[in-house]
PDB file of N, CA and C in Angstrom:
ATOM      1  N   MET A   1       0.815  -1.175   0.000  1.00  0.00           N
ATOM      2  CA  MET A   1       0.000   0.000   0.000  1.00  0.00           C
ATOM      3  C   MET A   1       0.872   1.258   0.000  1.00  0.00           C
ATOM      4  N   ASN A   2       1.966   1.250   0.730  1.00  0.00           N
ATOM      5  CA  ASN A   2       2.885   2.373   0.731  1.00  0.00           C
ATOM      6  C   ASN A   2       3.492   2.587  -0.645  1.00  0.00           C
ATOM      7  N   GLU A   3       3.717   1.496  -1.350  1.00  0.00           N
ATOM      8  CA  GLU A   3       4.283   1.589  -2.697  1.00  0.00           C
ATOM      9  C   GLU A   3       3.306   2.298  -3.633  1.00  0.00           C
ATOM     10  N   LYS A   4       2.033   1.996  -3.482  1.00  0.00           N
ATOM     11  CA  LYS A   4       1.023   2.648  -4.322  1.00  0.00           C
ATOM     12  C   LYS A   4       0.978   4.148  -4.042  1.00  0.00           C
ATOM     13  N   ILE A   5       1.034   4.501  -2.778  1.00  0.00           N
ATOM     14  CA  ILE A   5       0.999   5.913  -2.407  1.00  0.00           C
ATOM     15  C   ILE A   5       2.253   6.618  -2.907  1.00  0.00           C
ATOM     16  N   ALA A   6       3.409   5.949  -2.745  1.00  0.00           N
ATOM     17  CA  ALA A   6       4.668   6.534  -3.216  1.00  0.00           C
ATOM     18  C   ALA A   6       4.640   6.708  -4.725  1.00  0.00           C
ATOM     19  N   THR A   7       4.111   5.720  -5.429  1.00  0.00           N
ATOM     20  CA  THR A   7       4.012   5.801  -6.886  1.00  0.00           C
ATOM     21  C   THR A   7       3.091   6.956  -7.294  1.00  0.00           C
ATOM     22  N   LYS A   8       1.974   7.086  -6.608  1.00  0.00           N
ATOM     23  CA  LYS A   8       1.038   8.174  -6.927  1.00  0.00           C
ATOM     24  C   LYS A   8       1.658   9.539  -6.637  1.00  0.00           C
ATOM     25  N   LEU A   9       2.421   9.632  -5.528  1.00  0.00           N
ATOM     26  CA  LEU A   9       3.089  10.888  -5.213  1.00  0.00           C
ATOM     27  C   LEU A   9       4.136  11.239  -6.275  1.00  0.00           C
ATOM     28  N   MET A  10       4.894  10.250  -6.715  1.00  0.00           N
ATOM     29  CA  MET A  10       5.904  10.487  -7.755  1.00  0.00           C
ATOM     30  C   MET A  10       5.244  10.917  -9.059  1.00  0.00           C
ATOM     31  N   MET A  11       4.123  10.277  -9.391  1.00  0.00           N
ATOM     32  CA  MET A  11       3.402  10.648 -10.608  1.00  0.00           C
ATOM     33  C   MET A  11       2.860  12.074 -10.495  1.00  0.00           C
ATOM     34  N   ALA A  12       2.370  12.427  -9.315  1.00  0.00           N
ATOM     35  CA  ALA A  12       1.845  13.782  -9.103  1.00  0.00           C
ATOM     36  C   ALA A  12       2.964  14.807  -9.229  1.00  0.00           C
ATOM     37  N   LYS A  13       4.162  14.492  -8.675  1.00  0.00           N
ATOM     38  CA  LYS A  13       5.298  15.409  -8.778  1.00  0.00           C
ATOM     39  C   LYS A  13       5.729  15.574 -10.228  1.00  0.00           C
ATOM     40  N   ARG A  14       5.771  14.465 -10.971  1.00  0.00           N
ATOM     41  CA  ARG A  14       6.134  14.532 -12.401  1.00  0.00           C
ATOM     42  C   ARG A  14       5.135  15.384 -13.162  1.00  0.00           C
ATOM     43  N   LEU A  15       3.860  15.131 -12.880  1.00  0.00           N
ATOM     44  CA  LEU A  15       2.807  15.892 -13.564  1.00  0.00           C
ATOM     45  C   LEU A  15       2.925  17.378 -13.246  1.00  0.00           C
ATOM     46  N   LYS A  16       3.197  17.687 -11.971  1.00  0.00           N
ATOM     47  CA  LYS A  16       3.357  19.076 -11.569  1.00  0.00           C
ATOM     48  C   LYS A  16       4.552  19.709 -12.273  1.00  0.00           C
ATOM     49  N   THR A  17       5.667  18.990 -12.333  1.00  0.00           N
ATOM     50  CA  THR A  17       6.868  19.493 -12.985  1.00  0.00           C
ATOM     51  C   THR A  17       6.618  19.718 -14.478  1.00  0.00           C
ATOM     52  N   GLU A  18       5.988  18.740 -15.123  1.00  0.00           N
ATOM     53  CA  GLU A  18       5.690  18.878 -16.558  1.00  0.00           C
ATOM     54  C   GLU A  18       4.742  20.049 -16.812  1.00  0.00           C
ATOM     55  N   THR A  19       3.755  20.204 -15.935  1.00  0.00           N
ATOM     56  CA  THR A  19       2.799  21.303 -16.081  1.00  0.00           C
ATOM     57  C   THR A  19       3.499  22.649 -15.926  1.00  0.00           C
ATOM     58  N   GLU A  20       4.398  22.744 -14.951  1.00  0.00           N
ATOM     59  CA  GLU A  20       5.148  23.990 -14.759  1.00  0.00           C
ATOM     60  C   GLU A  20       6.006  24.306 -15.977  1.00  0.00           C
ATOM     61  N   LYS A  21       6.662  23.274 -16.527  1.00  0.00           N
ATOM     62  CA  LYS A  21       7.484  23.482 -17.729  1.00  0.00           C
ATOM     63  C   LYS A  21       6.624  23.953 -18.891  1.00  0.00           C
ATOM     64  N   GLU A  22       5.466  23.332 -19.066  1.00  0.00           N
ATOM     65  CA  GLU A  22       4.574  23.724 -20.159  1.00  0.00           C
ATOM     66  C   GLU A  22       4.080  25.161 -19.969  1.00  0.00           C
ATOM     67  N   CYS A  23       3.802  25.536 -18.730  1.00  0.00           N
ATOM     68  CA  CYS A  23       3.351  26.907 -18.460  1.00  0.00           C
ATOM     69  C   CYS A  23       4.454  27.914 -18.783  1.00  0.00           C
ATOM     70  N   LYS A  24       5.688  27.589 -18.389  1.00  0.00           N
ATOM     71  CA  LYS A  24       6.806  28.483 -18.687  1.00  0.00           C
ATOM     72  C   LYS A  24       7.013  28.606 -20.187  1.00  0.00           C
ATOM     73  N   ASP A  25       6.934  27.473 -20.895  1.00  0.00           N
ATOM     74  CA  ASP A  25       7.078  27.511 -22.358  1.00  0.00           C
ATOM     75  C   ASP A  25       5.972  28.339 -22.997  1.00  0.00           C
ATOM     76  N   ALA A  26       4.756  28.136 -22.514  1.00  0.00           N
ATOM     77  CA  ALA A  26       3.617  28.872 -23.073  1.00  0.00           C
ATOM     78  C   ALA A  26       3.762  30.367 -22.816  1.00  0.00           C
ATOM     79  N   SER A  27       4.188  30.725 -21.600  1.00  0.00           N
ATOM     80  CA  SER A  27       4.322  32.155 -21.309  1.00  0.00           C
ATOM     81  C   SER A  27       5.447  32.782 -22.128  1.00  0.00           C
ATOM     82  N   SER A  28       6.543  32.054 -22.342  1.00  0.00           N
ATOM     83  CA  SER A  28       7.620  32.611 -23.168  1.00  0.00           C
ATOM     84  C   SER A  28       7.177  32.733 -24.621  1.00  0.00           C
ATOM     85  N   ARG A  29       6.361  31.798 -25.082  1.00  0.00           N
ATOM     86  CA  ARG A  29       5.831  31.909 -26.450  1.00  0.00           C
ATOM     87  C   ARG A  29       4.886  33.102 -26.550  1.00  0.00           C
ATOM     88  N   GLU A  30       4.073  33.314 -25.508  1.00  0.00           N
ATOM     89  CA  GLU A  30       3.155  34.458 -25.518  1.00  0.00           C
ATOM     90  C   GLU A  30       3.920  35.764 -25.540  1.00  0.00           C
ATOM     91  N   ILE A  31       4.993  35.849 -24.774  1.00  0.00           N
ATOM     92  CA  ILE A  31       5.804  37.066 -24.764  1.00  0.00           C
ATOM     93  C   ILE A  31       6.409  37.286 -26.140  1.00  0.00           C
ATOM     94  N   GLY A  32       6.913  36.224 -26.757  1.00  0.00           N
ATOM     95  CA  GLY A  32       7.459  36.328 -28.113  1.00  0.00           C
ATOM     96  C   GLY A  32       6.399  36.728 -29.112  1.00  0.00           C
ATOM     97  N   THR A  33       5.230  36.140 -28.979  1.00  0.00           N
ATOM     98  CA  THR A  33       4.134  36.454 -29.889  1.00  0.00           C
ATOM     99  C   THR A  33       3.688  37.896 -29.688  1.00  0.00           C
ATOM    100  N   THR A  34       3.621  38.332 -28.453  1.00  0.00           N
ATOM    101  CA  THR A  34       3.211  39.703 -28.171  1.00  0.00           C
ATOM    102  C   THR A  34       4.222  40.689 -28.758  1.00  0.00           C
ATOM    103  N   ALA A  35       5.499  40.411 -28.604  1.00  0.00           N
ATOM    104  CA  ALA A  35       6.524  41.286 -29.174  1.00  0.00           C
ATOM    105  C   ALA A  35       6.422  41.293 -30.698  1.00  0.00           C
ATOM    106  N   GLU A  36       6.166  40.126 -31.264  1.00  0.00           N
ATOM    107  CA  GLU A  36       6.026  40.043 -32.721  1.00  0.00           C
ATOM    108  C   GLU A  36       4.789  40.812 -33.184  1.00  0.00           C
ATOM    109  N   ASP A  37       3.692  40.688 -32.429  1.00  0.00           N
ATOM    110  CA  ASP A  37       2.474  41.425 -32.775  1.00  0.00           C
ATOM    111  C   ASP A  37       2.693  42.928 -32.711  1.00  0.00           C
ATOM    112  N   ILE A  38       3.409  43.383 -31.685  1.00  0.00           N
ATOM    113  CA  ILE A  38       3.697  44.812 -31.562  1.00  0.00           C
ATOM    114  C   ILE A  38       4.528  45.281 -32.747  1.00  0.00           C
ATOM    115  N   HIS A  39       5.519  44.471 -33.121  1.00  0.00           N
ATOM    116  CA  HIS A  39       6.371  44.827 -34.261  1.00  0.00           C
ATOM    117  C   HIS A  39       5.546  44.883 -35.549  1.00  0.00           C
ATOM    118  N   LEU A  40       4.674  43.901 -35.743  1.00  0.00           N
ATOM    119  CA  LEU A  40       3.831  43.885 -36.950  1.00  0.00           C
ATOM    120  C   LEU A  40       2.865  45.071 -36.959  1.00  0.00           C
ATOM    121  N   ASP A  41       2.301  45.407 -35.804  1.00  0.00           N
ATOM    122  CA  ASP A  41       1.407  46.565 -35.733  1.00  0.00           C
ATOM    123  C   ASP A  41       2.151  47.847 -36.085  1.00  0.00           C
ATOM    124  N   ASP A  42       3.388  47.957 -35.610  1.00  0.00           N
ATOM    125  CA  ASP A  42       4.204  49.132 -35.916  1.00  0.00           C
ATOM    126  C   ASP A  42       4.482  49.220 -37.413  1.00  0.00           C
ATOM    127  N   LEU A  43       4.845  48.088 -38.016  1.00  0.00           N
ATOM    128  CA  LEU A  43       5.093  48.073 -39.464  1.00  0.00           C
ATOM    129  C   LEU A  43       3.832  48.445 -40.241  1.00  0.00           C
ATOM    130  N   TYR A  44       2.687  47.904 -39.823  1.00  0.00           N
ATOM    131  CA  TYR A  44       1.434  48.181 -40.510  1.00  0.00           C
ATOM    132  C   TYR A  44       1.073  49.661 -40.399  1.00  0.00           C
ATOM    133  N   THR A  45       1.301  50.255 -39.214  1.00  0.00           N
ATOM    134  CA  THR A  45       1.000  51.670 -39.024  1.00  0.00           C
ATOM    135  C   THR A  45       1.864  52.528 -39.931  1.00  0.00           C
ATOM    136  N   ARG A  46       3.168  52.217 -40.004  1.00  0.00           N
ATOM    137  CA  ARG A  46       4.049  52.995 -40.885  1.00  0.00           C
ATOM    138  C   ARG A  46       3.656  52.811 -42.344  1.00  0.00           C
ATOM    139  N   TYR A  47       3.273  51.595 -42.740  1.00  0.00           N
ATOM    140  CA  TYR A  47       2.841  51.336 -44.111  1.00  0.00           C
ATOM    141  C   TYR A  47       1.589  52.147 -44.440  1.00  0.00           C
ATOM    142  N   ARG A  48       0.622  52.166 -43.506  1.00  0.00           N
ATOM    143  CA  ARG A  48      -0.605  52.931 -43.723  1.00  0.00           C
ATOM    144  C   ARG A  48      -0.319  54.408 -43.888  1.00  0.00           C
ATOM    145  N   GLN A  49       0.595  54.951 -43.087  1.00  0.00           N
ATOM    146  CA  GLN A  49       0.941  56.374 -43.188  1.00  0.00           C
ATOM    147  C   GLN A  49       1.596  56.677 -44.528  1.00  0.00           C
ATOM    148  N   ARG A  50       2.514  55.810 -44.959  1.00  0.00           N
ATOM    149  CA  ARG A  50       3.157  56.040 -46.262  1.00  0.00           C
ATOM    150  C   ARG A  50       2.152  55.928 -47.387  1.00  0.00           C
ATOM    151  N   LEU A  51       1.246  54.963 -47.291  1.00  0.00           N
ATOM    152  CA  LEU A  51       0.218  54.794 -48.328  1.00  0.00           C
ATOM    153  C   LEU A  51      -0.699  56.005 -48.381  1.00  0.00           C
ATOM    154  N   ARG A  52      -1.094  56.520 -47.226  1.00  0.00           N
ATOM    155  CA  ARG A  52      -1.961  57.700 -47.179  1.00  0.00           C
ATOM    156  C   ARG A  52      -1.287  58.899 -47.838  1.00  0.00           C
ATOM    157  N   LYS A  53       0.000  59.115 -47.518  1.00  0.00           N
ATOM    158  CA  LYS A  53       0.734  60.233 -48.126  1.00  0.00           C
ATOM    159  C   LYS A  53       0.861  60.045 -49.629  1.00  0.00           C
ATOM    160  N   SER A  54       1.153  58.826 -50.044  1.00  0.00           N
ATOM    161  CA  SER A  54       1.317  58.546 -51.467  1.00  0.00           C
ATOM    162  C   SER A  54       0.006  58.776 -52.218  1.00  0.00           C
ATOM    163  N   LEU A  55      -1.095  58.311 -51.661  1.00  0.00           N
ATOM    164  CA  LEU A  55      -2.391  58.519 -52.311  1.00  0.00           C
ATOM    165  C   LEU A  55      -2.751  59.998 -52.363  1.00  0.00           C
ATOM    166  N   PHE A  56      -2.426  60.739 -51.318  1.00  0.00           N
ATOM    167  CA  PHE A  56      -2.701  62.175 -51.310  1.00  0.00           C
ATOM    168  C   PHE A  56      -1.906  62.871 -52.408  1.00  0.00           C
ATOM    169  N   ARG A  57      -0.621  62.530 -52.514  1.00  0.00           N
ATOM    170  CA  ARG A  57       0.219  63.152 -53.545  1.00  0.00           C
ATOM    171  C   ARG A  57      -0.269  62.788 -54.938  1.00  0.00           C
ATOM    172  N   SER A  58      -0.654  61.531 -55.136  1.00  0.00           N
ATOM    173  CA  SER A  58      -1.156  61.118 -56.449  1.00  0.00           C
ATOM    174  C   SER A  58      -2.437  61.868 -56.797  1.00  0.00           C
ATOM    175  N   GLY A  59      -3.345  61.969 -55.851  1.00  0.00           N
ATOM    176  CA  GLY A  59      -4.593  62.699 -56.089  1.00  0.00           C
ATOM    177  C   GLY A  59      -4.349  64.160 -56.378  1.00  0.00           C
ATOM    178  N   LEU A  60      -3.407  64.754 -55.650  1.00  0.00           N
ATOM    179  CA  LEU A  60      -3.066  66.153 -55.875  1.00  0.00           C
ATOM    180  C   LEU A  60      -2.478  66.356 -57.269  1.00  0.00           C
ATOM    181  N   LEU A  61      -1.599  65.459 -57.680  1.00  0.00           N
ATOM    182  CA  LEU A  61      -0.990  65.561 -59.000  1.00  0.00           C
ATOM    183  C   LEU A  61      -2.029  65.385 -60.105  1.00  0.00           C
ATOM    184  N   ILE A  62      -2.906  64.424 -59.946  1.00  0.00           N
ATOM    185  CA  ILE A  62      -3.951  64.198 -60.950  1.00  0.00           C
ATOM    186  C   ILE A  62      -4.866  65.421 -61.035  1.00  0.00           C
ATOM    187  N   SER A  63      -5.214  66.003 -59.904  1.00  0.00           N
ATOM    188  CA  SER A  63      -6.058  67.211 -59.909  1.00  0.00           C
ATOM    189  C   SER A  63      -5.355  68.366 -60.598  1.00  0.00           C
ATOM    190  N   LEU A  64      -4.078  68.525 -60.335  1.00  0.00           N
ATOM    191  CA  LEU A  64      -3.306  69.596 -60.962  1.00  0.00           C
ATOM    192  C   LEU A  64      -3.254  69.418 -62.482  1.00  0.00           C
ATOM    193  N   VAL A  65      -2.994  68.201 -62.924  1.00  0.00           N
ATOM    194  CA  VAL A  65      -2.944  67.933 -64.368  1.00  0.00           C
ATOM    195  C   VAL A  65      -4.313  68.183 -65.001  1.00  0.00           C
ATOM    196  N   ALA A  66      -5.376  67.756 -64.339  1.00  0.00           N
ATOM    197  CA  ALA A  66      -6.723  67.961 -64.872  1.00  0.00           C
ATOM    198  C   ALA A  66      -7.039  69.458 -64.983  1.00  0.00           C
ATOM    199  N   CYS A  67      -6.641  70.232 -63.984  1.00  0.00           N
ATOM    200  CA  CYS A  67      -6.875  71.680 -64.032  1.00  0.00           C
ATOM    201  C   CYS A  67      -6.101  72.325 -65.184  1.00  0.00           C
ATOM    202  N   VAL A  68      -4.849  71.958 -65.351  1.00  0.00           N
ATOM    203  CA  VAL A  68      -4.031  72.527 -66.424  1.00  0.00           C
ATOM    204  C   VAL A  68      -4.620  72.165 -67.784  1.00  0.00           C
ATOM    205  N   VAL A  69      -5.038  70.916 -67.953  1.00  0.00           N
ATOM    206  CA  VAL A  69      -5.619  70.491 -69.233  1.00  0.00           C
ATOM    207  C   VAL A  69      -6.917  71.241 -69.500  1.00  0.00           C
ATOM    208  N   SER A  70      -7.759  71.393 -68.491  1.00  0.00           N
ATOM    209  CA  SER A  70      -9.026  72.101 -68.717  1.00  0.00           C
ATOM    210  C   SER A  70      -8.791  73.580 -69.016  1.00  0.00           C
ATOM    211  N   ILE A  71      -7.797  74.189 -68.380  1.00  0.00           N
ATOM    212  CA  ILE A  71      -7.470  75.586 -68.691  1.00  0.00           C
ATOM    213  C   ILE A  71      -6.967  75.701 -70.124  1.00  0.00           C
ATOM    214  N   LEU A  72      -6.104  74.799 -70.551  1.00  0.00           N
ATOM    215  CA  LEU A  72      -5.601  74.820 -71.931  1.00  0.00           C
ATOM    216  C   LEU A  72      -6.731  74.628 -72.931  1.00  0.00           C
ATOM    217  N   ILE A  73      -7.636  73.710 -72.650  1.00  0.00           N
ATOM    218  CA  ILE A  73      -8.778  73.494 -73.553  1.00  0.00           C
ATOM    219  C   ILE A  73      -9.638  74.755 -73.608  1.00  0.00           C
ATOM    220  N   GLY A  74      -9.855  75.392 -72.466  1.00  0.00           N
ATOM    221  CA  GLY A  74     -10.638  76.639 -72.450  1.00  0.00           C
ATOM    222  C   GLY A  74      -9.967  77.732 -73.249  1.00  0.00           C
ATOM    223  N   ILE A  75      -8.653  77.870 -73.129  1.00  0.00           N
ATOM    224  CA  ILE A  75      -7.914  78.886 -73.884  1.00  0.00           C
ATOM    225  C   ILE A  75      -7.995  78.616 -75.375  1.00  0.00           C
ATOM    226  N   ILE A  76      -7.825  77.358 -75.765  1.00  0.00           N
ATOM    227  CA  ILE A  76      -7.865  77.002 -77.195  1.00  0.00           C
ATOM    228  C   ILE A  76      -9.238  77.302 -77.783  1.00  0.00           C
ATOM    229  N   PHE A  77     -10.324  76.900 -77.088  1.00  0.00           N
ATOM    230  CA  PHE A  77     -11.660  77.141 -77.625  1.00  0.00           C
ATOM    231  C   PHE A  77     -12.044  78.612 -77.551  1.00  0.00           C
ATOM    232  N   GLN A  78     -11.455  79.342 -76.633  1.00  0.00           N
ATOM    233  CA  GLN A  78     -11.716  80.778 -76.547  1.00  0.00           C
ATOM    234  C   GLN A  78     -11.047  81.505 -77.714  1.00  0.00           C
ATOM    235  N   GLN A  79      -9.906  81.043 -78.164  1.00  0.00           N
ATOM    236  CA  GLN A  79      -9.180  81.703 -79.243  1.00  0.00           C
ATOM    237  C   GLN A  79      -9.795  81.403 -80.604  1.00  0.00           C
ATOM    238  N   LYS A  80     -10.427  80.251 -80.785  1.00  0.00           N
ATOM    239  CA  LYS A  80     -11.016  79.901 -82.080  1.00  0.00           C
ATOM    240  C   LYS A  80     -12.094  80.896 -82.508  1.00  0.00           C
ATOM    241  N   PRO A  81     -13.058  81.243 -81.685  1.00  0.00           N
ATOM    242  CA  PRO A  81     -14.039  82.249 -82.114  1.00  0.00           C
ATOM    243  C   PRO A  81     -13.388  83.610 -82.345  1.00  0.00           C
ATOM    244  N   LEU A  82     -12.390  83.948 -81.573  1.00  0.00           N
ATOM    245  CA  LEU A  82     -11.693  85.211 -81.744  1.00  0.00           C
ATOM    246  C   LEU A  82     -10.991  85.243 -83.097  1.00  0.00           C
ATOM    247  N   LEU A  83     -10.344  84.154 -83.473  1.00  0.00           N
ATOM    248  CA  LEU A  83      -9.662  84.081 -84.771  1.00  0.00           C
ATOM    249  C   LEU A  83     -10.661  84.132 -85.923  1.00  0.00           C
ATOM    250  N   SER A  84     -11.804  83.486 -85.750  1.00  0.00           N
ATOM    251  CA  SER A  84     -12.810  83.517 -86.824  1.00  0.00           C
ATOM    252  C   SER A  84     -13.400  84.921 -86.961  1.00  0.00           C
ATOM    253  N   ARG A  85     -13.561  85.665 -85.885  1.00  0.00           N
ATOM    254  CA  ARG A  85     -14.045  87.046 -85.952  1.00  0.00           C
ATOM    255  C   ARG A  85     -13.029  87.944 -86.615  1.00  0.00           C
ATOM    256  N   LEU A  86     -11.757  87.717 -86.335  1.00  0.00           N
ATOM    257  CA  LEU A  86     -10.714  88.539 -86.937  1.00  0.00           C
ATOM    258  C   LEU A  86     -10.623  88.268 -88.438  1.00  0.00           C
ATOM    259  N   SER A  87     -10.831  87.046 -88.863  1.00  0.00           N
ATOM    260  CA  SER A  87     -10.735  86.748 -90.299  1.00  0.00           C
ATOM    261  C   SER A  87     -11.966  87.269 -91.060  1.00  0.00           C
ATOM    262  N   ASP A  88     -13.104  87.508 -90.395  1.00  0.00           N
ATOM    263  CA  ASP A  88     -14.275  88.073 -91.046  1.00  0.00           C
ATOM    264  C   ASP A  88     -14.106  89.554 -91.341  1.00  0.00           C
ATOM    265  N   HIS A  89     -13.292  90.274 -90.615  1.00  0.00           N
ATOM    266  CA  HIS A  89     -13.075  91.714 -90.783  1.00  0.00           C
ATOM    267  C   HIS A  89     -11.715  91.938 -91.426  1.00  0.00           C
ATOM    268  N   PRO A  90     -11.708  92.244 -92.726  1.00  0.00           N
ATOM    269  CA  PRO A  90     -10.406  92.518 -93.351  1.00  0.00           C
ATOM    270  C   PRO A  90      -9.892  93.879 -92.931  1.00  0.00           C
ATOM    271  N   VAL A  91      -8.594  93.998 -92.893  1.00  0.00           N
ATOM    272  CA  VAL A  91      -7.966  95.241 -92.473  1.00  0.00           C
ATOM    273  C   VAL A  91      -7.820  96.181 -93.631  1.00  0.00           C
TER     274      VAL A  91
END
């Protein structure tokens, strides 16, 4: 009977030791995962900021080009009637 109790105590100690080791491993993995998550969040935040700036610059450039083209088209069509009026009146 003492042997059974001793065996059960040894098994309980082994189980406790294994459980403690697993807990330590799990906590170290969580710390590593948390650090990795923080690093990934930081990278994602910087990527989002660069993307936002890039999209803003692209939109600004496209708007500028569109304005210049529309002004040029307006100038060209404004000059055509003026040229036709000048050619109707000989000097």
